[in-house]
Amino acid sequence: MQYDLLLVSLLRVIVEVAGFALLGRGALALLAGKSRHQNIFYLILERITRPAVSAVRWITPRFIIDAHVPMLTFFLLFWLWIALAMVKRYLCAIQGLAC
């Protein structure tokens, strides 16, 4: 079993879930407006994305506004997803697999 390929695939799934949750959170924020903090679905999506947003807030400088951190998190997750796809493709090519 190729454990490196499994690890890359699992990391990619985690990044996908966080990215889609951020997309849903953004769409729901646009639809719900100011009352989004009373919406149960928004709160669930906020809970799912909290670890990723907190990590990005920790690595970014303080002059970046807190309202921009979720958008920055999405773009970082997007590029991480692309990088993991390239790593997966490389690992499949090395091992002679058709992934």
C-alpha atoms as a PDB file:
ATOM      1  CA  MET A   1       0.000   0.000   0.000  1.00  0.00           C
ATOM      2  CA  GLN A   2       1.242   3.457  -0.881  1.00  0.00           C
ATOM      3  CA  TYR A   3       1.012   5.351   2.399  1.00  0.00           C
ATOM      4  CA  ASP A   4       2.396   8.545   0.930  1.00  0.00           C
ATOM      5  CA  LEU A   5      -0.363   8.594  -1.671  1.00  0.00           C
ATOM      6  CA  LEU A   6      -2.942   7.879   1.017  1.00  0.00           C
ATOM      7  CA  LEU A   7      -1.624  10.726   3.176  1.00  0.00           C
ATOM      8  CA  VAL A   8      -1.704  13.203   0.285  1.00  0.00           C
ATOM      9  CA  SER A   9      -5.247  12.118  -0.596  1.00  0.00           C
ATOM     10  CA  LEU A  10      -6.414  12.539   3.003  1.00  0.00           C
ATOM     11  CA  LEU A  11      -4.837  15.987   3.258  1.00  0.00           C
ATOM     12  CA  ARG A  12      -6.496  16.939  -0.004  1.00  0.00           C
ATOM     13  CA  VAL A  13      -9.910  15.842   1.287  1.00  0.00           C
ATOM     14  CA  ILE A  14      -9.463  17.893   4.462  1.00  0.00           C
ATOM     15  CA  VAL A  15      -8.519  20.936   2.396  1.00  0.00           C
ATOM     16  CA  GLU A  16     -11.539  20.375   0.117  1.00  0.00           C
ATOM     17  CA  VAL A  17     -13.959  20.168   3.036  1.00  0.00           C
ATOM     18  CA  ALA A  18     -12.569  23.338   4.582  1.00  0.00           C
ATOM     19  CA  GLY A  19     -12.667  25.139   1.230  1.00  0.00           C
ATOM     20  CA  PHE A  20     -16.236  24.159   0.465  1.00  0.00           C
ATOM     21  CA  ALA A  21     -17.283  25.102   3.997  1.00  0.00           C
ATOM     22  CA  LEU A  22     -15.692  28.528   3.505  1.00  0.00           C
ATOM     23  CA  LEU A  23     -17.515  28.913   0.189  1.00  0.00           C
ATOM     24  CA  GLY A  24     -20.808  27.979   1.841  1.00  0.00           C
ATOM     25  CA  ARG A  25     -20.113  30.323   4.731  1.00  0.00           C
ATOM     26  CA  GLY A  26     -19.451  33.180   2.325  1.00  0.00           C
ATOM     27  CA  ALA A  27     -22.558  32.490   0.270  1.00  0.00           C
ATOM     28  CA  LEU A  28     -24.704  32.243   3.385  1.00  0.00           C
ATOM     29  CA  ALA A  29     -23.206  35.461   4.737  1.00  0.00           C
ATOM     30  CA  LEU A  30     -24.247  37.225   1.535  1.00  0.00           C
ATOM     31  CA  LEU A  31     -27.756  35.783   1.669  1.00  0.00           C
ATOM     32  CA  ALA A  32     -28.417  36.188   5.386  1.00  0.00           C
ATOM     33  CA  GLY A  33     -26.857  39.618   5.828  1.00  0.00           C
ATOM     34  CA  LYS A  34     -26.465  40.969   9.344  1.00  0.00           C
ATOM     35  CA  SER A  35     -28.661  38.277  10.880  1.00  0.00           C
ATOM     36  CA  ARG A  36     -26.234  35.525   9.860  1.00  0.00           C
ATOM     37  CA  HIS A  37     -25.056  35.006  13.457  1.00  0.00           C
ATOM     38  CA  GLN A  38     -28.532  33.733  14.389  1.00  0.00           C
ATOM     39  CA  ASN A  39     -28.575  31.266  11.479  1.00  0.00           C
ATOM     40  CA  ILE A  40     -27.834  27.712  12.625  1.00  0.00           C
ATOM     41  CA  PHE A  41     -26.315  26.683   9.295  1.00  0.00           C
ATOM     42  CA  TYR A  42     -23.939  29.643   9.330  1.00  0.00           C
ATOM     43  CA  LEU A  43     -22.890  28.718  12.868  1.00  0.00           C
ATOM     44  CA  ILE A  44     -22.203  25.128  11.778  1.00  0.00           C
ATOM     45  CA  LEU A  45     -20.087  26.299   8.842  1.00  0.00           C
ATOM     46  CA  GLU A  46     -18.287  28.730  11.118  1.00  0.00           C
ATOM     47  CA  ARG A  47     -17.486  25.906  13.535  1.00  0.00           C
ATOM     48  CA  ILE A  48     -16.133  23.742  10.678  1.00  0.00           C
ATOM     49  CA  THR A  49     -13.900  26.508   9.329  1.00  0.00           C
ATOM     50  CA  ARG A  50     -12.690  27.855  12.676  1.00  0.00           C
ATOM     51  CA  PRO A  51      -9.431  25.805  12.811  1.00  0.00           C
ATOM     52  CA  ALA A  52      -8.320  26.897   9.336  1.00  0.00           C
ATOM     53  CA  VAL A  53      -9.264  30.539   9.876  1.00  0.00           C
ATOM     54  CA  SER A  54      -7.539  30.569  13.273  1.00  0.00           C
ATOM     55  CA  ALA A  55      -4.368  29.116  11.773  1.00  0.00           C
ATOM     56  CA  VAL A  56      -4.303  31.750   9.042  1.00  0.00           C
ATOM     57  CA  ARG A  57      -4.986  34.490  11.586  1.00  0.00           C
ATOM     58  CA  TRP A  58      -2.023  33.216  13.600  1.00  0.00           C
ATOM     59  CA  ILE A  59       0.416  33.364  10.645  1.00  0.00           C
ATOM     60  CA  THR A  60      -0.760  36.682   9.174  1.00  0.00           C
ATOM     61  CA  PRO A  61       0.461  40.064  10.378  1.00  0.00           C
ATOM     62  CA  ARG A  62      -1.788  42.119  12.652  1.00  0.00           C
ATOM     63  CA  PHE A  63      -2.452  44.866  10.079  1.00  0.00           C
ATOM     64  CA  ILE A  64      -4.674  42.500   8.099  1.00  0.00           C
ATOM     65  CA  ILE A  65      -8.294  43.112   9.083  1.00  0.00           C
ATOM     66  CA  ASP A  66     -10.089  40.214  10.785  1.00  0.00           C
ATOM     67  CA  ALA A  67     -12.926  40.440   8.250  1.00  0.00           C
ATOM     68  CA  HIS A  68     -10.465  39.606   5.440  1.00  0.00           C
ATOM     69  CA  VAL A  69      -8.974  36.533   7.093  1.00  0.00           C
ATOM     70  CA  PRO A  70     -11.661  34.042   5.880  1.00  0.00           C
ATOM     71  CA  MET A  71     -11.148  35.184   2.278  1.00  0.00           C
ATOM     72  CA  LEU A  72      -7.380  34.878   2.668  1.00  0.00           C
ATOM     73  CA  THR A  73      -7.914  31.438   4.199  1.00  0.00           C
ATOM     74  CA  PHE A  74      -9.922  30.357   1.161  1.00  0.00           C
ATOM     75  CA  PHE A  75      -7.214  31.488  -1.261  1.00  0.00           C
ATOM     76  CA  LEU A  76      -4.497  29.765   0.757  1.00  0.00           C
ATOM     77  CA  LEU A  77      -6.561  26.569   0.877  1.00  0.00           C
ATOM     78  CA  PHE A  78      -7.140  26.797  -2.864  1.00  0.00           C
ATOM     79  CA  TRP A  79      -3.410  27.005  -3.605  1.00  0.00           C
ATOM     80  CA  LEU A  80      -2.696  24.248  -1.098  1.00  0.00           C
ATOM     81  CA  TRP A  81      -5.275  22.084  -2.877  1.00  0.00           C
ATOM     82  CA  ILE A  82      -3.549  22.752  -6.230  1.00  0.00           C
ATOM     83  CA  ALA A  83      -0.141  21.921  -4.721  1.00  0.00           C
ATOM     84  CA  LEU A  84      -1.467  18.681  -3.225  1.00  0.00           C
ATOM     85  CA  ALA A  85      -2.945  17.734  -6.613  1.00  0.00           C
ATOM     86  CA  MET A  86       0.464  18.216  -8.206  1.00  0.00           C
ATOM     87  CA  VAL A  87       2.128  16.132  -5.474  1.00  0.00           C
ATOM     88  CA  LYS A  88      -0.467  13.385  -5.946  1.00  0.00           C
ATOM     89  CA  ARG A  89       0.103  13.383  -9.682  1.00  0.00           C
ATOM     90  CA  TYR A  90       3.861  13.165  -9.134  1.00  0.00           C
ATOM     91  CA  LEU A  91       3.502  10.268  -6.687  1.00  0.00           C
ATOM     92  CA  CYS A  92       1.222   8.418  -9.096  1.00  0.00           C
ATOM     93  CA  ALA A  93       3.719   8.919 -11.933  1.00  0.00           C
ATOM     94  CA  ILE A  94       6.624   7.648  -9.821  1.00  0.00           C
ATOM     95  CA  GLN A  95       4.740   4.522  -8.780  1.00  0.00           C
ATOM     96  CA  GLY A  96       3.357   3.860 -12.263  1.00  0.00           C
ATOM     97  CA  LEU A  97      -0.272   4.252 -11.219  1.00  0.00           C
ATOM     98  CA  ALA A  98      -3.121   5.734 -13.250  1.00  0.00           C
ATOM     99  CA  CYS A  99      -4.637   8.108 -10.685  1.00  0.00           C
END
